[in-house]
Amino acid sequence: MGNEMKWHYRFLDMAALVASWSKDPSTKCGAVIVRPDKTVASVGFNGFPKGCSDEDWLYENRELKYSRVVHAEQNALLLAGESVQGYTMYTYPKGYGPSCDRCSAHVIQAGITRIVHYGVDEDDFASRWKEACERGLDMYKEAGVEVIRLEPLKTEAVTQVLPFPEEVREHRVAA
Protein backbone atom coordinates (compact mmCIF):
# COMPACT_ATOMS: atom_id res chain seq x y z
CA MET A 1 0.00 0.00 0.00
CA GLY A 2 1.41 3.39 -0.99
CA ASN A 3 1.99 6.28 1.40
CA GLU A 4 -0.99 8.29 0.07
CA MET A 5 -3.30 5.30 0.59
CA LYS A 6 -2.07 4.88 4.16
CA TRP A 7 -3.03 8.50 4.85
CA HIS A 8 -6.47 7.93 3.34
CA TYR A 9 -7.08 4.93 5.60
CA ARG A 10 -5.77 6.75 8.68
CA PHE A 11 -8.14 9.67 8.16
CA LEU A 12 -11.06 7.34 7.40
CA ASP A 13 -10.32 5.56 10.69
CA MET A 14 -10.32 8.96 12.38
CA ALA A 15 -13.72 9.74 10.81
CA ALA A 16 -15.01 6.43 12.22
CA LEU A 17 -13.76 7.39 15.68
CA VAL A 18 -15.38 10.83 15.44
CA ALA A 19 -18.64 9.15 14.31
CA SER A 20 -18.67 7.16 17.55
CA TRP A 21 -19.15 10.42 19.48
CA SER A 22 -22.65 10.91 18.03
CA LYS A 23 -25.55 10.35 20.41
CA ASP A 24 -27.81 9.18 17.56
CA PRO A 25 -28.52 5.52 18.36
CA SER A 26 -29.35 4.53 14.76
CA THR A 27 -26.78 6.39 12.64
CA LYS A 28 -23.30 7.49 13.64
CA CYS A 29 -21.57 9.68 11.07
CA GLY A 30 -18.20 11.39 11.19
CA ALA A 31 -16.25 13.78 8.97
CA VAL A 32 -12.63 14.92 9.04
CA ILE A 33 -11.33 17.88 7.02
CA VAL A 34 -7.64 17.71 6.18
CA ARG A 35 -5.32 20.42 4.91
CA PRO A 36 -2.97 19.75 1.97
CA ASP A 37 -0.09 19.27 4.46
CA LYS A 38 -2.04 16.36 6.03
CA THR A 39 -2.92 18.16 9.26
CA VAL A 40 -6.48 18.12 10.58
CA ALA A 41 -8.45 21.34 10.12
CA SER A 42 -11.74 20.18 11.63
CA VAL A 43 -13.90 17.23 12.64
CA GLY A 44 -17.65 16.83 12.95
CA PHE A 45 -20.26 14.24 13.87
CA ASN A 46 -24.01 14.18 13.46
CA GLY A 47 -26.03 15.66 16.29
CA PHE A 48 -28.33 18.43 17.38
CA PRO A 49 -27.30 22.10 17.38
CA LYS A 50 -25.26 23.51 20.27
CA GLY A 51 -27.49 24.58 23.14
CA CYS A 52 -30.41 22.35 22.08
CA SER A 53 -31.52 19.37 24.11
CA ASP A 54 -30.18 16.03 22.90
CA GLU A 55 -32.20 13.75 25.12
CA ASP A 56 -32.81 10.19 23.91
CA TRP A 57 -36.54 10.68 23.22
CA LEU A 58 -35.71 13.33 20.60
CA TYR A 59 -33.72 10.77 18.61
CA GLU A 60 -36.53 8.22 18.83
CA ASN A 61 -38.93 10.41 16.81
CA ARG A 62 -37.41 10.10 13.31
CA GLU A 63 -39.27 13.08 11.80
CA LEU A 64 -38.26 15.35 14.69
CA LYS A 65 -34.70 14.01 14.64
CA TYR A 66 -34.31 14.71 10.91
CA SER A 67 -35.58 18.26 11.34
CA ARG A 68 -33.05 18.99 14.12
CA VAL A 69 -29.92 17.08 13.22
CA VAL A 70 -26.81 18.75 11.85
CA HIS A 71 -24.94 16.28 9.65
CA ALA A 72 -21.30 15.43 10.34
CA GLU A 73 -20.08 17.10 7.15
CA GLN A 74 -21.92 20.32 7.99
CA ASN A 75 -20.59 20.34 11.56
CA ALA A 76 -17.02 19.85 10.32
CA LEU A 77 -17.42 22.76 7.89
CA LEU A 78 -19.04 25.03 10.49
CA LEU A 79 -16.40 24.27 13.12
CA ALA A 80 -13.37 24.64 10.82
CA GLY A 81 -12.68 28.25 11.79
CA GLU A 82 -10.73 28.76 8.56
CA SER A 83 -11.25 28.56 4.83
CA VAL A 84 -11.29 24.94 3.65
CA GLN A 85 -10.68 25.85 0.00
CA GLY A 86 -8.64 23.06 -1.61
CA TYR A 87 -8.90 20.72 1.42
CA THR A 88 -9.92 17.05 1.54
CA MET A 89 -12.87 15.66 3.51
CA TYR A 90 -13.08 12.07 4.82
CA THR A 91 -16.50 10.67 5.72
CA TYR A 92 -17.85 7.69 7.62
CA PRO A 93 -19.89 5.37 7.70
CA LYS A 94 -19.43 3.17 4.68
CA GLY A 95 -22.02 3.98 2.06
CA TYR A 96 -22.99 4.22 -1.57
CA GLY A 97 -21.57 7.75 -1.73
CA PRO A 98 -19.55 9.98 0.57
CA SER A 99 -22.43 12.27 1.55
CA CYS A 100 -26.07 13.05 0.97
CA ASP A 101 -27.12 15.69 -1.57
CA ARG A 102 -27.76 18.23 1.19
CA CYS A 103 -24.20 17.91 2.51
CA SER A 104 -22.68 17.68 -0.96
CA ALA A 105 -23.98 21.16 -1.77
CA HIS A 106 -22.34 22.55 1.40
CA VAL A 107 -19.07 20.69 0.78
CA ILE A 108 -18.87 22.03 -2.78
CA GLN A 109 -19.78 25.57 -1.73
CA ALA A 110 -17.07 25.53 0.98
CA GLY A 111 -14.39 24.69 -1.58
CA ILE A 112 -13.51 21.10 -0.65
CA THR A 113 -11.81 19.65 -3.73
CA ARG A 114 -11.57 15.98 -2.76
CA ILE A 115 -13.78 13.69 -0.68
CA VAL A 116 -12.80 10.17 0.41
CA HIS A 117 -15.06 7.44 1.78
CA TYR A 118 -15.48 3.71 2.26
CA GLY A 119 -17.78 2.45 -0.44
CA VAL A 120 -20.35 -0.28 -0.07
CA ASP A 121 -23.46 -0.83 -2.12
CA GLU A 122 -25.50 -3.11 0.10
CA ASP A 123 -26.10 -2.51 3.77
CA ASP A 124 -28.79 -0.77 5.80
CA PHE A 125 -27.17 2.68 5.77
CA ALA A 126 -26.22 2.52 2.07
CA SER A 127 -29.74 1.44 1.14
CA ARG A 128 -31.47 4.16 3.18
CA TRP A 129 -29.32 6.95 1.76
CA LYS A 130 -28.68 5.65 -1.78
CA GLU A 131 -30.88 8.13 -3.68
CA ALA A 132 -29.57 11.14 -1.75
CA CYS A 133 -25.98 9.92 -2.24
CA GLU A 134 -26.57 9.43 -5.98
CA ARG A 135 -27.71 13.06 -6.25
CA GLY A 136 -24.67 14.11 -4.22
CA LEU A 137 -22.32 12.17 -6.49
CA ASP A 138 -23.89 13.87 -9.51
CA MET A 139 -23.20 17.28 -7.93
CA TYR A 140 -19.59 16.36 -7.12
CA LYS A 141 -19.04 15.30 -10.74
CA GLU A 142 -20.64 18.48 -12.06
CA ALA A 143 -18.53 20.67 -9.74
CA GLY A 144 -15.27 18.81 -10.43
CA VAL A 145 -14.80 17.49 -6.87
CA GLU A 146 -12.64 14.36 -6.86
CA VAL A 147 -14.41 11.44 -5.16
CA ILE A 148 -12.27 8.56 -3.92
CA ARG A 149 -14.16 5.41 -3.00
CA LEU A 150 -12.06 2.90 -1.07
CA GLU A 151 -12.80 -0.65 -0.11
CA PRO A 152 -12.87 -1.10 3.66
CA LEU A 153 -9.83 -2.92 4.99
CA LYS A 154 -10.50 -6.24 6.64
CA THR A 155 -9.34 -4.75 9.94
CA GLU A 156 -10.92 -1.35 10.48
CA ALA A 157 -10.11 0.74 13.53
CA VAL A 158 -12.08 0.15 16.69
CA THR A 159 -14.73 2.87 16.80
CA GLN A 160 -15.82 2.40 20.39
CA VAL A 161 -14.37 4.96 22.77
CA LEU A 162 -13.32 3.14 25.91
CA PRO A 163 -13.28 4.90 29.31
CA PHE A 164 -10.01 5.59 31.07
CA PRO A 165 -9.10 3.07 33.78
CA GLU A 166 -9.96 4.42 37.24
CA GLU A 167 -6.30 4.92 38.22
CA VAL A 168 -5.68 7.03 35.10
CA ARG A 169 -8.81 9.11 35.71
CA GLU A 170 -7.72 9.79 39.29
CA HIS A 171 -4.23 10.78 38.16
CA ARG A 172 -5.63 13.19 35.56
CA VAL A 173 -7.88 14.89 38.12
CA ALA A 174 -5.08 15.22 40.65
CA ALA A 175 -2.63 16.73 38.16
C-alpha atoms as a PDB file:
ATOM      1  CA  MET A   1       0.000   0.000   0.000  1.00  0.00           C
ATOM      2  CA  GLY A   2       1.413   3.390  -0.987  1.00  0.00           C
ATOM      3  CA  ASN A   3       1.990   6.282   1.397  1.00  0.00           C
ATOM      4  CA  GLU A   4      -0.994   8.292   0.075  1.00  0.00           C
ATOM      5  CA  MET A   5      -3.295   5.296   0.587  1.00  0.00           C
ATOM      6  CA  LYS A   6      -2.067   4.884   4.157  1.00  0.00           C
ATOM      7  CA  TRP A   7      -3.030   8.501   4.855  1.00  0.00           C
ATOM      8  CA  HIS A   8      -6.469   7.926   3.344  1.00  0.00           C
ATOM      9  CA  TYR A   9      -7.081   4.926   5.598  1.00  0.00           C
ATOM     10  CA  ARG A  10      -5.771   6.752   8.679  1.00  0.00           C
ATOM     11  CA  PHE A  11      -8.141   9.670   8.160  1.00  0.00           C
ATOM     12  CA  LEU A  12     -11.060   7.337   7.403  1.00  0.00           C
ATOM     13  CA  ASP A  13     -10.322   5.557  10.687  1.00  0.00           C
ATOM     14  CA  MET A  14     -10.323   8.961  12.381  1.00  0.00           C
ATOM     15  CA  ALA A  15     -13.716   9.745  10.807  1.00  0.00           C
ATOM     16  CA  ALA A  16     -15.006   6.430  12.218  1.00  0.00           C
ATOM     17  CA  LEU A  17     -13.760   7.393  15.677  1.00  0.00           C
ATOM     18  CA  VAL A  18     -15.377  10.832  15.439  1.00  0.00           C
ATOM     19  CA  ALA A  19     -18.636   9.154  14.313  1.00  0.00           C
ATOM     20  CA  SER A  20     -18.670   7.157  17.554  1.00  0.00           C
ATOM     21  CA  TRP A  21     -19.153  10.423  19.477  1.00  0.00           C
ATOM     22  CA  SER A  22     -22.652  10.913  18.029  1.00  0.00           C
ATOM     23  CA  LYS A  23     -25.554  10.353  20.412  1.00  0.00           C
ATOM     24  CA  ASP A  24     -27.806   9.182  17.562  1.00  0.00           C
ATOM     25  CA  PRO A  25     -28.520   5.515  18.358  1.00  0.00           C
ATOM     26  CA  SER A  26     -29.349   4.533  14.760  1.00  0.00           C
ATOM     27  CA  THR A  27     -26.781   6.393  12.640  1.00  0.00           C
ATOM     28  CA  LYS A  28     -23.301   7.492  13.645  1.00  0.00           C
ATOM     29  CA  CYS A  29     -21.566   9.684  11.070  1.00  0.00           C
ATOM     30  CA  GLY A  30     -18.198  11.392  11.192  1.00  0.00           C
ATOM     31  CA  ALA A  31     -16.248  13.778   8.970  1.00  0.00           C
ATOM     32  CA  VAL A  32     -12.630  14.920   9.038  1.00  0.00           C
ATOM     33  CA  ILE A  33     -11.332  17.875   7.020  1.00  0.00           C
ATOM     34  CA  VAL A  34      -7.638  17.710   6.182  1.00  0.00           C
ATOM     35  CA  ARG A  35      -5.323  20.424   4.914  1.00  0.00           C
ATOM     36  CA  PRO A  36      -2.970  19.747   1.967  1.00  0.00           C
ATOM     37  CA  ASP A  37      -0.088  19.273   4.458  1.00  0.00           C
ATOM     38  CA  LYS A  38      -2.043  16.359   6.029  1.00  0.00           C
ATOM     39  CA  THR A  39      -2.922  18.156   9.265  1.00  0.00           C
ATOM     40  CA  VAL A  40      -6.479  18.117  10.576  1.00  0.00           C
ATOM     41  CA  ALA A  41      -8.446  21.342  10.116  1.00  0.00           C
ATOM     42  CA  SER A  42     -11.735  20.177  11.635  1.00  0.00           C
ATOM     43  CA  VAL A  43     -13.896  17.232  12.635  1.00  0.00           C
ATOM     44  CA  GLY A  44     -17.647  16.827  12.948  1.00  0.00           C
ATOM     45  CA  PHE A  45     -20.260  14.240  13.867  1.00  0.00           C
ATOM     46  CA  ASN A  46     -24.015  14.180  13.455  1.00  0.00           C
ATOM     47  CA  GLY A  47     -26.035  15.662  16.294  1.00  0.00           C
ATOM     48  CA  PHE A  48     -28.334  18.434  17.378  1.00  0.00           C
ATOM     49  CA  PRO A  49     -27.296  22.103  17.382  1.00  0.00           C
ATOM     50  CA  LYS A  50     -25.264  23.506  20.275  1.00  0.00           C
ATOM     51  CA  GLY A  51     -27.492  24.582  23.143  1.00  0.00           C
ATOM     52  CA  CYS A  52     -30.409  22.349  22.080  1.00  0.00           C
ATOM     53  CA  SER A  53     -31.515  19.371  24.106  1.00  0.00           C
ATOM     54  CA  ASP A  54     -30.180  16.034  22.898  1.00  0.00           C
ATOM     55  CA  GLU A  55     -32.203  13.746  25.117  1.00  0.00           C
ATOM     56  CA  ASP A  56     -32.810  10.191  23.914  1.00  0.00           C
ATOM     57  CA  TRP A  57     -36.535  10.676  23.219  1.00  0.00           C
ATOM     58  CA  LEU A  58     -35.709  13.329  20.600  1.00  0.00           C
ATOM     59  CA  TYR A  59     -33.717  10.770  18.608  1.00  0.00           C
ATOM     60  CA  GLU A  60     -36.534   8.217  18.828  1.00  0.00           C
ATOM     61  CA  ASN A  61     -38.927  10.411  16.811  1.00  0.00           C
ATOM     62  CA  ARG A  62     -37.410  10.099  13.309  1.00  0.00           C
ATOM     63  CA  GLU A  63     -39.268  13.078  11.805  1.00  0.00           C
ATOM     64  CA  LEU A  64     -38.263  15.353  14.690  1.00  0.00           C
ATOM     65  CA  LYS A  65     -34.696  14.011  14.637  1.00  0.00           C
ATOM     66  CA  TYR A  66     -34.314  14.710  10.905  1.00  0.00           C
ATOM     67  CA  SER A  67     -35.576  18.260  11.340  1.00  0.00           C
ATOM     68  CA  ARG A  68     -33.051  18.994  14.117  1.00  0.00           C
ATOM     69  CA  VAL A  69     -29.915  17.078  13.216  1.00  0.00           C
ATOM     70  CA  VAL A  70     -26.811  18.755  11.850  1.00  0.00           C
ATOM     71  CA  HIS A  71     -24.938  16.285   9.654  1.00  0.00           C
ATOM     72  CA  ALA A  72     -21.295  15.427  10.340  1.00  0.00           C
ATOM     73  CA  GLU A  73     -20.080  17.105   7.145  1.00  0.00           C
ATOM     74  CA  GLN A  74     -21.918  20.315   7.994  1.00  0.00           C
ATOM     75  CA  ASN A  75     -20.586  20.335  11.562  1.00  0.00           C
ATOM     76  CA  ALA A  76     -17.022  19.854  10.320  1.00  0.00           C
ATOM     77  CA  LEU A  77     -17.424  22.763   7.886  1.00  0.00           C
ATOM     78  CA  LEU A  78     -19.036  25.031  10.486  1.00  0.00           C
ATOM     79  CA  LEU A  79     -16.395  24.271  13.116  1.00  0.00           C
ATOM     80  CA  ALA A  80     -13.374  24.635  10.820  1.00  0.00           C
ATOM     81  CA  GLY A  81     -12.681  28.246  11.789  1.00  0.00           C
ATOM     82  CA  GLU A  82     -10.733  28.760   8.562  1.00  0.00           C
ATOM     83  CA  SER A  83     -11.253  28.560   4.826  1.00  0.00           C
ATOM     84  CA  VAL A  84     -11.289  24.944   3.647  1.00  0.00           C
ATOM     85  CA  GLN A  85     -10.678  25.850   0.002  1.00  0.00           C
ATOM     86  CA  GLY A  86      -8.642  23.057  -1.610  1.00  0.00           C
ATOM     87  CA  TYR A  87      -8.897  20.715   1.415  1.00  0.00           C
ATOM     88  CA  THR A  88      -9.920  17.046   1.540  1.00  0.00           C
ATOM     89  CA  MET A  89     -12.869  15.656   3.512  1.00  0.00           C
ATOM     90  CA  TYR A  90     -13.080  12.069   4.815  1.00  0.00           C
ATOM     91  CA  THR A  91     -16.503  10.673   5.717  1.00  0.00           C
ATOM     92  CA  TYR A  92     -17.853   7.690   7.621  1.00  0.00           C
ATOM     93  CA  PRO A  93     -19.891   5.368   7.696  1.00  0.00           C
ATOM     94  CA  LYS A  94     -19.435   3.170   4.681  1.00  0.00           C
ATOM     95  CA  GLY A  95     -22.019   3.978   2.060  1.00  0.00           C
ATOM     96  CA  TYR A  96     -22.985   4.217  -1.568  1.00  0.00           C
ATOM     97  CA  GLY A  97     -21.566   7.751  -1.730  1.00  0.00           C
ATOM     98  CA  PRO A  98     -19.548   9.980   0.570  1.00  0.00           C
ATOM     99  CA  SER A  99     -22.433  12.267   1.547  1.00  0.00           C
ATOM    100  CA  CYS A 100     -26.073  13.046   0.969  1.00  0.00           C
ATOM    101  CA  ASP A 101     -27.119  15.689  -1.565  1.00  0.00           C
ATOM    102  CA  ARG A 102     -27.762  18.226   1.190  1.00  0.00           C
ATOM    103  CA  CYS A 103     -24.203  17.911   2.513  1.00  0.00           C
ATOM    104  CA  SER A 104     -22.679  17.677  -0.961  1.00  0.00           C
ATOM    105  CA  ALA A 105     -23.979  21.161  -1.767  1.00  0.00           C
ATOM    106  CA  HIS A 106     -22.339  22.550   1.400  1.00  0.00           C
ATOM    107  CA  VAL A 107     -19.074  20.685   0.776  1.00  0.00           C
ATOM    108  CA  ILE A 108     -18.867  22.032  -2.781  1.00  0.00           C
ATOM    109  CA  GLN A 109     -19.776  25.573  -1.726  1.00  0.00           C
ATOM    110  CA  ALA A 110     -17.074  25.535   0.981  1.00  0.00           C
ATOM    111  CA  GLY A 111     -14.388  24.688  -1.581  1.00  0.00           C
ATOM    112  CA  ILE A 112     -13.512  21.102  -0.646  1.00  0.00           C
ATOM    113  CA  THR A 113     -11.809  19.650  -3.732  1.00  0.00           C
ATOM    114  CA  ARG A 114     -11.573  15.977  -2.761  1.00  0.00           C
ATOM    115  CA  ILE A 115     -13.778  13.686  -0.681  1.00  0.00           C
ATOM    116  CA  VAL A 116     -12.801  10.166   0.413  1.00  0.00           C
ATOM    117  CA  HIS A 117     -15.064   7.440   1.784  1.00  0.00           C
ATOM    118  CA  TYR A 118     -15.481   3.709   2.262  1.00  0.00           C
ATOM    119  CA  GLY A 119     -17.782   2.452  -0.439  1.00  0.00           C
ATOM    120  CA  VAL A 120     -20.354  -0.281  -0.067  1.00  0.00           C
ATOM    121  CA  ASP A 121     -23.464  -0.831  -2.122  1.00  0.00           C
ATOM    122  CA  GLU A 122     -25.502  -3.114   0.097  1.00  0.00           C
ATOM    123  CA  ASP A 123     -26.101  -2.512   3.772  1.00  0.00           C
ATOM    124  CA  ASP A 124     -28.788  -0.769   5.796  1.00  0.00           C
ATOM    125  CA  PHE A 125     -27.170   2.679   5.770  1.00  0.00           C
ATOM    126  CA  ALA A 126     -26.221   2.518   2.071  1.00  0.00           C
ATOM    127  CA  SER A 127     -29.739   1.443   1.135  1.00  0.00           C
ATOM    128  CA  ARG A 128     -31.472   4.159   3.177  1.00  0.00           C
ATOM    129  CA  TRP A 129     -29.322   6.947   1.764  1.00  0.00           C
ATOM    130  CA  LYS A 130     -28.676   5.651  -1.781  1.00  0.00           C
ATOM    131  CA  GLU A 131     -30.884   8.134  -3.677  1.00  0.00           C
ATOM    132  CA  ALA A 132     -29.572  11.143  -1.753  1.00  0.00           C
ATOM    133  CA  CYS A 133     -25.983   9.924  -2.243  1.00  0.00           C
ATOM    134  CA  GLU A 134     -26.566   9.435  -5.983  1.00  0.00           C
ATOM    135  CA  ARG A 135     -27.710  13.060  -6.253  1.00  0.00           C
ATOM    136  CA  GLY A 136     -24.670  14.108  -4.215  1.00  0.00           C
ATOM    137  CA  LEU A 137     -22.316  12.172  -6.486  1.00  0.00           C
ATOM    138  CA  ASP A 138     -23.885  13.869  -9.506  1.00  0.00           C
ATOM    139  CA  MET A 139     -23.201  17.276  -7.930  1.00  0.00           C
ATOM    140  CA  TYR A 140     -19.594  16.362  -7.123  1.00  0.00           C
ATOM    141  CA  LYS A 141     -19.041  15.297 -10.738  1.00  0.00           C
ATOM    142  CA  GLU A 142     -20.640  18.476 -12.063  1.00  0.00           C
ATOM    143  CA  ALA A 143     -18.530  20.672  -9.736  1.00  0.00           C
ATOM    144  CA  GLY A 144     -15.274  18.809 -10.426  1.00  0.00           C
ATOM    145  CA  VAL A 145     -14.799  17.491  -6.870  1.00  0.00           C
ATOM    146  CA  GLU A 146     -12.640  14.360  -6.856  1.00  0.00           C
ATOM    147  CA  VAL A 147     -14.411  11.439  -5.160  1.00  0.00           C
ATOM    148  CA  ILE A 148     -12.272   8.562  -3.923  1.00  0.00           C
ATOM    149  CA  ARG A 149     -14.163   5.409  -3.001  1.00  0.00           C
ATOM    150  CA  LEU A 150     -12.060   2.897  -1.070  1.00  0.00           C
ATOM    151  CA  GLU A 151     -12.805  -0.649  -0.112  1.00  0.00           C
ATOM    152  CA  PRO A 152     -12.870  -1.105   3.657  1.00  0.00           C
ATOM    153  CA  LEU A 153      -9.830  -2.918   4.993  1.00  0.00           C
ATOM    154  CA  LYS A 154     -10.495  -6.238   6.638  1.00  0.00           C
ATOM    155  CA  THR A 155      -9.342  -4.750   9.943  1.00  0.00           C
ATOM    156  CA  GLU A 156     -10.917  -1.349  10.485  1.00  0.00           C
ATOM    157  CA  ALA A 157     -10.109   0.739  13.526  1.00  0.00           C
ATOM    158  CA  VAL A 158     -12.085   0.150  16.687  1.00  0.00           C
ATOM    159  CA  THR A 159     -14.729   2.872  16.798  1.00  0.00           C
ATOM    160  CA  GLN A 160     -15.817   2.401  20.385  1.00  0.00           C
ATOM    161  CA  VAL A 161     -14.367   4.962  22.769  1.00  0.00           C
ATOM    162  CA  LEU A 162     -13.321   3.143  25.915  1.00  0.00           C
ATOM    163  CA  PRO A 163     -13.278   4.895  29.308  1.00  0.00           C
ATOM    164  CA  PHE A 164     -10.009   5.591  31.074  1.00  0.00           C
ATOM    165  CA  PRO A 165      -9.096   3.070  33.781  1.00  0.00           C
ATOM    166  CA  GLU A 166      -9.957   4.416  37.243  1.00  0.00           C
ATOM    167  CA  GLU A 167      -6.300   4.923  38.219  1.00  0.00           C
ATOM    168  CA  VAL A 168      -5.677   7.026  35.096  1.00  0.00           C
ATOM    169  CA  ARG A 169      -8.812   9.108  35.713  1.00  0.00           C
ATOM    170  CA  GLU A 170      -7.724   9.789  39.295  1.00  0.00           C
ATOM    171  CA  HIS A 171      -4.233  10.782  38.159  1.00  0.00           C
ATOM    172  CA  ARG A 172      -5.635  13.191  35.561  1.00  0.00           C
ATOM    173  CA  VAL A 173      -7.882  14.893  38.124  1.00  0.00           C
ATOM    174  CA  ALA A 174      -5.075  15.224  40.653  1.00  0.00           C
ATOM    175  CA  ALA A 175      -2.628  16.730  38.157  1.00  0.00           C
END
